[in-house]
Amino acid sequence: MKKKGPLYALFLSLILLLPGCSSLTVLNPKGPAARTLSDTIILSILVMIGVLAVVYILYIFVLVKYRAKKSNEGYIPEHEEGNKVLEAIWIIIPIIIVTFLSVVTVKSTHAVENVAEEYKDQKPLVIYASSSNWKWHFSYPEEGIETVNYVNFPIHRAVEFRLYSFGTITSFWIPQLAGQKYAMSDMLTKLNLSADTAGSFIGKNSNFSGKGFAHMEFEALVMSDKEYAEWVKEVKDTAPKLTEDDFKGLLAAEHLGRKTYSSTHLEFSPPPGDHSEHMSGDGTEMDIDNGNMDHQDNKDIHPSPEPSSQTEFDSEPNPEVNEPLPSSPVEEHTHEGH
């Protein structure tokens, strides 16, 4: 009984703690892209549950039917080389399952990588989302405004985020509106989304990028067209201009609150070219200097942090190339004697 005590305590703690867990936001979509991903996840789970159910039912059936009992004591089954029907079943069924899931995955990936069908007739609202340690900069080239650590856009509107980074690789993710997409230095990646429900949604960096990673969240506020137009006008009338010196200060800072500007950093630090511009004419070589020089200069403001301490091997000098290394304790002792 004493050995079962810890198990009972663990079971009781799970019962008490699990109800406090928040719901899975990825399964509570508020836009067509997120809905496609949610449906794909649920369908995949159902397929896997079906596979497990068949396996466990057959497992229990075999255990019960062929268990040892008095009526079959001394029974020796006949030797069989194989069963062609069974072999065909356990080869064909997995192929069908994998093919089905592959088709679903390709179709859903194609759907979320493009503008949703119901918004195909719209011109997407372009927003540049750039990351720096550890914050998000949102630039609106059409409106000529910029925000830090929050982004607003209208409901029922196709939105195209163009992502890049001034530092380490980050991952832009608004779970209830779209899947994640990486933001990288010297390269633009694009993420299409739209919202069919107004409200506030949490966005985050889902790729570990250093000590400030846990605080790299932002608010995505979905507004009506009227509210969005009023907000843009208010920003243009009241927010200060974003100068190059101010922007460099933003990049150098580690943590910031929400900030708003009536101009964008795109004017003096344009984004890098997209990934196709990284390739040479024949497509075989990468151009590591791709991107404008201003972006390269701003990127150097906060390079990846160096290790905080050295290891015990860092202070050891490199061995001479021509000097043979000892391969055994005897040779090592002889080596030291010389």
Protein backbone atom coordinates (compact mmCIF):
# COMPACT_ATOMS: atom_id res chain seq x y z
CA MET A 1 0.00 0.00 0.00
CA LYS A 2 2.87 2.34 0.80
CA LYS A 3 4.31 1.87 -2.69
CA LYS A 4 1.02 2.99 -4.25
CA GLY A 5 0.92 6.21 -2.22
CA PRO A 6 3.08 8.30 -4.60
CA LEU A 7 1.02 7.09 -7.58
CA TYR A 8 -2.21 8.16 -5.91
CA ALA A 9 -0.65 11.54 -5.05
CA LEU A 10 0.44 12.05 -8.67
CA PHE A 11 -3.00 11.12 -9.99
CA LEU A 12 -4.70 13.49 -7.54
CA SER A 13 -2.34 16.36 -8.45
CA LEU A 14 -3.11 15.88 -12.15
CA ILE A 15 -6.84 16.04 -11.45
CA LEU A 16 -6.40 19.28 -9.50
CA LEU A 17 -3.94 20.99 -11.84
CA LEU A 18 -5.12 20.07 -15.33
CA PRO A 19 -8.43 21.98 -15.11
CA GLY A 20 -6.39 25.17 -14.71
CA CYS A 21 -4.67 24.74 -18.08
CA SER A 22 -5.79 27.20 -20.74
CA SER A 23 -7.49 25.96 -23.88
CA LEU A 24 -5.45 25.22 -26.97
CA THR A 25 -5.73 28.45 -28.95
CA VAL A 26 -4.54 26.73 -32.12
CA LEU A 27 -7.77 24.68 -32.04
CA ASN A 28 -9.87 27.84 -31.59
CA PRO A 29 -9.31 29.52 -34.99
CA LYS A 30 -10.59 32.99 -35.85
CA GLY A 31 -9.60 33.10 -39.51
CA PRO A 32 -9.62 30.90 -42.63
CA ALA A 33 -5.88 30.05 -42.54
CA ALA A 34 -5.98 29.03 -38.89
CA ARG A 35 -9.20 27.11 -39.50
CA THR A 36 -7.57 25.11 -42.29
CA LEU A 37 -4.66 24.23 -39.99
CA SER A 38 -6.98 23.36 -37.11
CA ASP A 39 -9.09 21.07 -39.32
CA THR A 40 -5.92 19.36 -40.59
CA ILE A 41 -4.66 18.78 -37.04
CA ILE A 42 -7.99 17.34 -35.88
CA LEU A 43 -8.27 15.11 -38.97
CA SER A 44 -4.73 13.79 -38.39
CA ILE A 45 -5.52 13.07 -34.75
CA LEU A 46 -8.68 11.17 -35.73
CA VAL A 47 -6.75 9.07 -38.25
CA MET A 48 -4.14 8.24 -35.63
CA ILE A 49 -6.83 7.36 -33.09
CA GLY A 50 -8.39 5.04 -35.68
CA VAL A 51 -5.06 3.30 -36.28
CA LEU A 52 -4.46 2.88 -32.55
CA ALA A 53 -8.00 1.58 -32.01
CA VAL A 54 -7.54 -1.13 -34.66
CA VAL A 55 -4.13 -2.11 -33.26
CA TYR A 56 -5.36 -2.35 -29.66
CA ILE A 57 -8.52 -4.27 -30.63
CA LEU A 58 -6.49 -6.82 -32.59
CA TYR A 59 -3.95 -6.99 -29.75
CA ILE A 60 -6.65 -7.79 -27.18
CA PHE A 61 -8.34 -10.24 -29.57
CA VAL A 62 -5.11 -12.20 -30.08
CA LEU A 63 -4.34 -12.24 -26.35
CA VAL A 64 -7.78 -13.60 -25.51
CA LYS A 65 -8.20 -16.06 -28.38
CA TYR A 66 -4.75 -17.61 -28.30
CA ARG A 67 -4.06 -17.51 -24.56
CA ALA A 68 -2.78 -20.63 -22.83
CA LYS A 69 -5.54 -22.80 -21.36
CA LYS A 70 -6.16 -26.39 -20.39
CA SER A 71 -7.95 -27.23 -23.61
CA ASN A 72 -4.89 -26.55 -25.75
CA GLU A 73 -2.13 -27.95 -23.54
CA GLY A 74 0.55 -29.58 -25.68
CA TYR A 75 -0.87 -28.06 -28.87
CA ILE A 76 1.77 -27.27 -31.51
CA PRO A 77 0.51 -25.17 -34.43
CA GLU A 78 1.33 -26.16 -37.98
CA HIS A 79 4.27 -24.43 -39.60
CA GLU A 80 3.20 -21.84 -42.15
CA GLU A 81 5.49 -19.91 -44.51
CA GLY A 82 3.20 -16.88 -44.60
CA ASN A 83 -0.20 -15.53 -45.46
CA LYS A 84 -0.35 -13.53 -48.67
CA VAL A 85 -3.67 -11.91 -47.75
CA LEU A 86 -2.42 -10.65 -44.39
CA GLU A 87 0.87 -9.45 -45.90
CA ALA A 88 -1.04 -7.52 -48.57
CA ILE A 89 -3.28 -5.95 -45.93
CA TRP A 90 -0.49 -4.68 -43.69
CA ILE A 91 1.38 -3.26 -46.70
CA ILE A 92 -1.51 -1.67 -48.58
CA ILE A 93 -3.34 -0.09 -45.62
CA PRO A 94 -0.29 1.94 -44.37
CA ILE A 95 0.32 3.11 -47.96
CA ILE A 96 -3.30 4.29 -48.18
CA ILE A 97 -3.06 6.11 -44.83
CA VAL A 98 0.23 7.86 -45.70
CA THR A 99 -1.06 8.82 -49.16
CA PHE A 100 -4.27 10.24 -47.70
CA LEU A 101 -2.42 12.31 -45.07
CA SER A 102 0.09 13.48 -47.69
CA VAL A 103 -2.67 14.75 -49.99
CA VAL A 104 -4.39 16.52 -47.09
CA THR A 105 -1.10 18.11 -45.99
CA VAL A 106 -0.21 19.35 -49.48
CA LYS A 107 -3.69 20.82 -50.02
CA SER A 108 -3.75 22.56 -46.63
CA THR A 109 -0.22 23.90 -47.07
CA HIS A 110 -1.12 25.32 -50.49
CA ALA A 111 -4.25 26.90 -49.00
CA VAL A 112 -2.50 28.68 -46.11
CA GLU A 113 0.42 29.83 -48.26
CA ASN A 114 -1.96 31.85 -50.46
CA VAL A 115 -4.70 34.38 -49.90
CA ALA A 116 -7.90 32.73 -48.66
CA GLU A 117 -10.48 32.03 -51.36
CA GLU A 118 -13.06 34.46 -49.93
CA TYR A 119 -10.53 37.32 -50.11
CA LYS A 120 -8.99 36.58 -53.52
CA ASP A 121 -10.59 39.69 -55.03
CA GLN A 122 -8.90 42.00 -52.48
CA LYS A 123 -5.56 43.72 -52.62
CA PRO A 124 -3.75 42.50 -49.48
CA LEU A 125 -2.77 44.95 -46.78
CA VAL A 126 1.04 44.71 -46.68
CA ILE A 127 2.70 44.89 -43.25
CA TYR A 128 6.44 44.42 -42.76
CA ALA A 129 7.13 42.57 -39.51
CA SER A 130 10.78 42.67 -38.49
CA SER A 131 12.23 41.27 -35.28
CA SER A 132 15.12 42.41 -33.14
CA ASN A 133 16.28 41.24 -29.73
CA TRP A 134 13.61 40.98 -28.30
CA LYS A 135 10.86 42.96 -29.94
CA TRP A 136 8.72 43.23 -33.08
CA HIS A 137 8.59 46.20 -35.47
CA PHE A 138 5.50 46.53 -37.69
CA SER A 139 5.79 48.85 -40.68
CA TYR A 140 2.77 49.90 -42.78
CA PRO A 141 4.16 51.21 -46.10
CA GLU A 142 0.73 52.14 -47.47
CA GLU A 143 -0.23 54.19 -44.40
CA GLY A 144 3.32 55.40 -43.65
CA ILE A 145 3.18 54.46 -39.96
CA GLU A 146 5.02 52.03 -37.68
CA THR A 147 4.33 50.29 -34.39
CA VAL A 148 6.45 48.32 -31.95
CA ASN A 149 5.16 45.24 -30.11
CA TYR A 150 1.60 45.52 -31.39
CA VAL A 151 -0.13 45.33 -34.76
CA ASN A 152 -3.62 46.43 -35.85
CA PHE A 153 -5.45 45.46 -39.03
CA PRO A 154 -9.07 45.39 -40.24
CA ILE A 155 -11.46 42.46 -40.11
CA HIS A 156 -12.38 40.60 -43.32
CA ARG A 157 -9.25 41.89 -45.04
CA ALA A 158 -6.44 39.91 -46.62
CA VAL A 159 -3.18 40.75 -44.85
CA GLU A 160 0.28 39.93 -46.16
CA PHE A 161 3.04 39.97 -43.56
CA ARG A 162 6.55 40.30 -44.96
CA LEU A 163 8.95 38.97 -42.38
CA TYR A 164 12.65 39.49 -41.73
CA SER A 165 15.02 39.84 -38.80
CA PHE A 166 17.74 42.22 -37.66
CA GLY A 167 19.29 39.50 -35.49
CA THR A 168 18.78 35.83 -34.86
CA ILE A 169 16.14 33.72 -36.61
CA THR A 170 12.70 34.19 -35.06
CA SER A 171 9.31 32.67 -35.77
CA PHE A 172 6.25 34.89 -36.28
CA TRP A 173 3.09 33.22 -34.98
CA ILE A 174 -0.47 34.31 -34.20
CA PRO A 175 -1.98 30.92 -33.25
CA GLN A 176 -5.64 31.85 -33.73
CA LEU A 177 -5.09 33.48 -37.12
CA ALA A 178 -2.30 31.60 -38.94
CA GLY A 179 0.57 29.17 -38.65
CA GLN A 180 4.13 30.18 -37.83
CA LYS A 181 6.66 31.43 -40.38
CA TYR A 182 10.36 32.12 -39.84
CA ALA A 183 11.80 35.63 -39.98
CA MET A 184 15.43 35.56 -41.12
CA SER A 185 18.21 38.02 -41.74
CA ASP A 186 18.88 39.00 -45.38
CA MET A 187 15.69 37.28 -46.56
CA LEU A 188 11.99 38.07 -46.83
CA THR A 189 9.40 35.42 -46.04
CA LYS A 190 5.68 36.01 -46.52
CA LEU A 191 2.69 34.99 -44.42
CA ASN A 192 -0.91 35.45 -45.59
CA LEU A 193 -3.73 35.64 -43.08
CA SER A 194 -7.12 37.22 -42.48
CA ALA A 195 -9.52 37.40 -39.56
CA ASP A 196 -13.27 36.90 -39.57
CA THR A 197 -13.66 37.80 -35.90
CA ALA A 198 -12.81 41.14 -34.31
CA GLY A 199 -10.84 41.11 -31.08
CA SER A 200 -7.42 40.92 -29.48
CA PHE A 201 -5.15 37.96 -30.19
CA ILE A 202 -1.76 37.03 -28.79
CA GLY A 203 1.20 36.82 -31.16
CA LYS A 204 4.61 35.49 -30.24
CA ASN A 205 8.01 34.31 -31.32
CA SER A 206 7.83 30.51 -31.33
CA ASN A 207 11.55 30.01 -32.02
CA PHE A 208 13.97 30.15 -29.08
CA SER A 209 16.25 33.11 -29.72
CA GLY A 210 17.95 33.95 -26.45
CA LYS A 211 17.33 35.10 -22.91
CA GLY A 212 14.49 37.50 -23.82
CA PHE A 213 12.56 34.93 -25.84
CA ALA A 214 9.83 34.46 -23.21
CA HIS A 215 8.91 38.16 -23.33
CA MET A 216 8.78 38.43 -27.11
CA GLU A 217 5.00 38.65 -27.40
CA PHE A 218 2.78 41.19 -29.13
CA GLU A 219 -0.92 42.00 -29.47
CA ALA A 220 -2.71 41.57 -32.78
CA LEU A 221 -5.87 43.69 -32.68
CA VAL A 222 -8.50 43.04 -35.34
CA MET A 223 -10.69 46.11 -35.86
CA SER A 224 -13.58 47.17 -38.05
CA ASP A 225 -12.76 49.17 -41.19
CA LYS A 226 -13.99 52.37 -39.55
CA GLU A 227 -12.00 51.81 -36.36
CA TYR A 228 -8.89 50.99 -38.38
CA ALA A 229 -9.19 54.15 -40.48
CA GLU A 230 -9.68 56.26 -37.34
CA TRP A 231 -6.66 54.66 -35.68
CA VAL A 232 -4.42 55.31 -38.72
CA LYS A 233 -5.54 58.97 -38.83
CA GLU A 234 -4.89 59.39 -35.09
CA VAL A 235 -1.38 57.93 -35.45
CA LYS A 236 -0.55 60.26 -38.35
CA ASP A 237 -1.83 63.28 -36.41
CA THR A 238 -0.34 62.58 -32.99
CA ALA A 239 2.60 60.14 -33.17
CA PRO A 240 6.19 61.37 -33.60
CA LYS A 241 8.31 60.69 -36.66
CA LEU A 242 10.70 57.75 -36.54
CA THR A 243 14.21 59.01 -37.24
CA GLU A 244 17.20 56.85 -38.09
CA ASP A 245 18.81 57.58 -34.72
CA ASP A 246 15.59 56.66 -32.92
CA PHE A 247 15.40 53.42 -34.86
CA LYS A 248 18.97 52.48 -34.01
CA GLY A 249 18.10 53.11 -30.38
CA LEU A 250 15.12 50.76 -30.71
CA LEU A 251 17.34 48.06 -32.18
CA ALA A 252 19.93 48.43 -29.43
CA ALA A 253 17.34 48.19 -26.63
CA GLU A 254 16.59 44.71 -25.31
CA HIS A 255 13.02 45.09 -24.01
CA LEU A 256 10.46 47.74 -24.89
CA GLY A 257 6.78 48.44 -24.40
CA ARG A 258 4.39 49.54 -27.13
CA LYS A 259 5.50 52.41 -29.35
CA THR A 260 3.89 54.21 -32.28
CA TYR A 261 5.38 56.38 -35.04
CA SER A 262 3.99 58.41 -37.95
CA SER A 263 6.72 57.23 -40.32
CA THR A 264 8.54 53.94 -40.96
CA HIS A 265 12.12 52.73 -40.88
CA LEU A 266 11.63 51.45 -44.43
CA GLU A 267 12.50 54.96 -45.67
CA PHE A 268 16.12 54.81 -44.46
CA SER A 269 16.55 51.03 -43.87
CA PRO A 270 14.71 49.15 -46.63
CA PRO A 271 14.05 45.44 -46.11
CA PRO A 272 16.29 42.81 -47.71
CA GLY A 273 15.46 41.17 -51.00
CA ASP A 274 13.44 37.98 -51.03
CA HIS A 275 15.05 34.54 -51.14
CA SER A 276 15.19 34.37 -54.95
CA GLU A 277 17.66 37.24 -54.98
CA HIS A 278 20.12 35.26 -52.88
CA MET A 279 20.95 32.98 -55.75
CA SER A 280 23.48 33.61 -58.49
CA GLY A 281 22.54 33.54 -62.15
CA ASP A 282 22.76 29.77 -62.44
CA GLY A 283 21.17 29.23 -59.02
CA THR A 284 24.17 27.42 -57.54
CA GLU A 285 25.72 29.98 -55.20
CA MET A 286 24.38 31.99 -52.30
CA ASP A 287 25.05 35.71 -52.09
CA ILE A 288 25.65 36.29 -48.39
CA ASP A 289 25.81 40.05 -48.90
CA ASN A 290 22.28 40.17 -50.29
CA GLY A 291 20.19 43.01 -48.94
CA ASN A 292 20.84 46.73 -48.85
CA MET A 293 23.78 48.18 -46.97
CA ASP A 294 21.56 50.04 -44.50
CA HIS A 295 19.99 46.78 -43.44
CA GLN A 296 23.44 45.22 -43.06
CA ASP A 297 24.60 48.15 -40.88
CA ASN A 298 21.53 48.05 -38.65
CA LYS A 299 21.86 44.28 -38.35
CA ASP A 300 25.31 44.75 -36.80
CA ILE A 301 23.88 46.86 -33.95
CA HIS A 302 23.03 43.73 -31.98
CA PRO A 303 24.84 40.67 -33.34
CA SER A 304 24.26 37.30 -31.77
CA PRO A 305 25.47 37.40 -28.14
CA GLU A 306 28.82 35.83 -27.38
CA PRO A 307 29.13 33.09 -24.77
CA SER A 308 29.19 34.56 -21.27
CA SER A 309 32.11 32.42 -20.12
CA GLN A 310 34.93 30.39 -21.59
CA THR A 311 35.36 26.69 -21.19
CA GLU A 312 38.43 25.11 -19.67
CA PHE A 313 39.68 24.31 -23.16
CA ASP A 314 39.59 27.93 -24.45
CA SER A 315 42.81 28.85 -22.63
CA GLU A 316 44.73 25.86 -23.94
CA PRO A 317 47.01 26.64 -26.90
CA ASN A 318 46.45 24.77 -30.12
CA PRO A 319 48.83 21.83 -30.55
CA GLU A 320 51.51 22.06 -33.14
CA VAL A 321 50.35 20.52 -36.38
CA ASN A 322 53.57 18.60 -37.01
CA GLU A 323 53.90 17.32 -33.43
CA PRO A 324 52.38 13.82 -33.01
CA LEU A 325 49.84 13.49 -30.24
CA PRO A 326 50.23 10.68 -27.64
CA SER A 327 47.91 7.78 -28.29
CA SER A 328 48.45 5.85 -25.04
CA PRO A 329 49.46 6.56 -21.41
CA VAL A 330 52.94 5.09 -22.10
CA GLU A 331 53.53 7.32 -25.12
CA GLU A 332 52.17 10.31 -23.20
CA HIS A 333 54.67 9.74 -20.38
CA THR A 334 57.50 9.40 -22.90
CA HIS A 335 56.33 12.53 -24.68
CA GLU A 336 56.42 14.53 -21.44
CA GLY A 337 59.90 13.27 -20.60
CA HIS A 338 61.30 14.83 -23.76
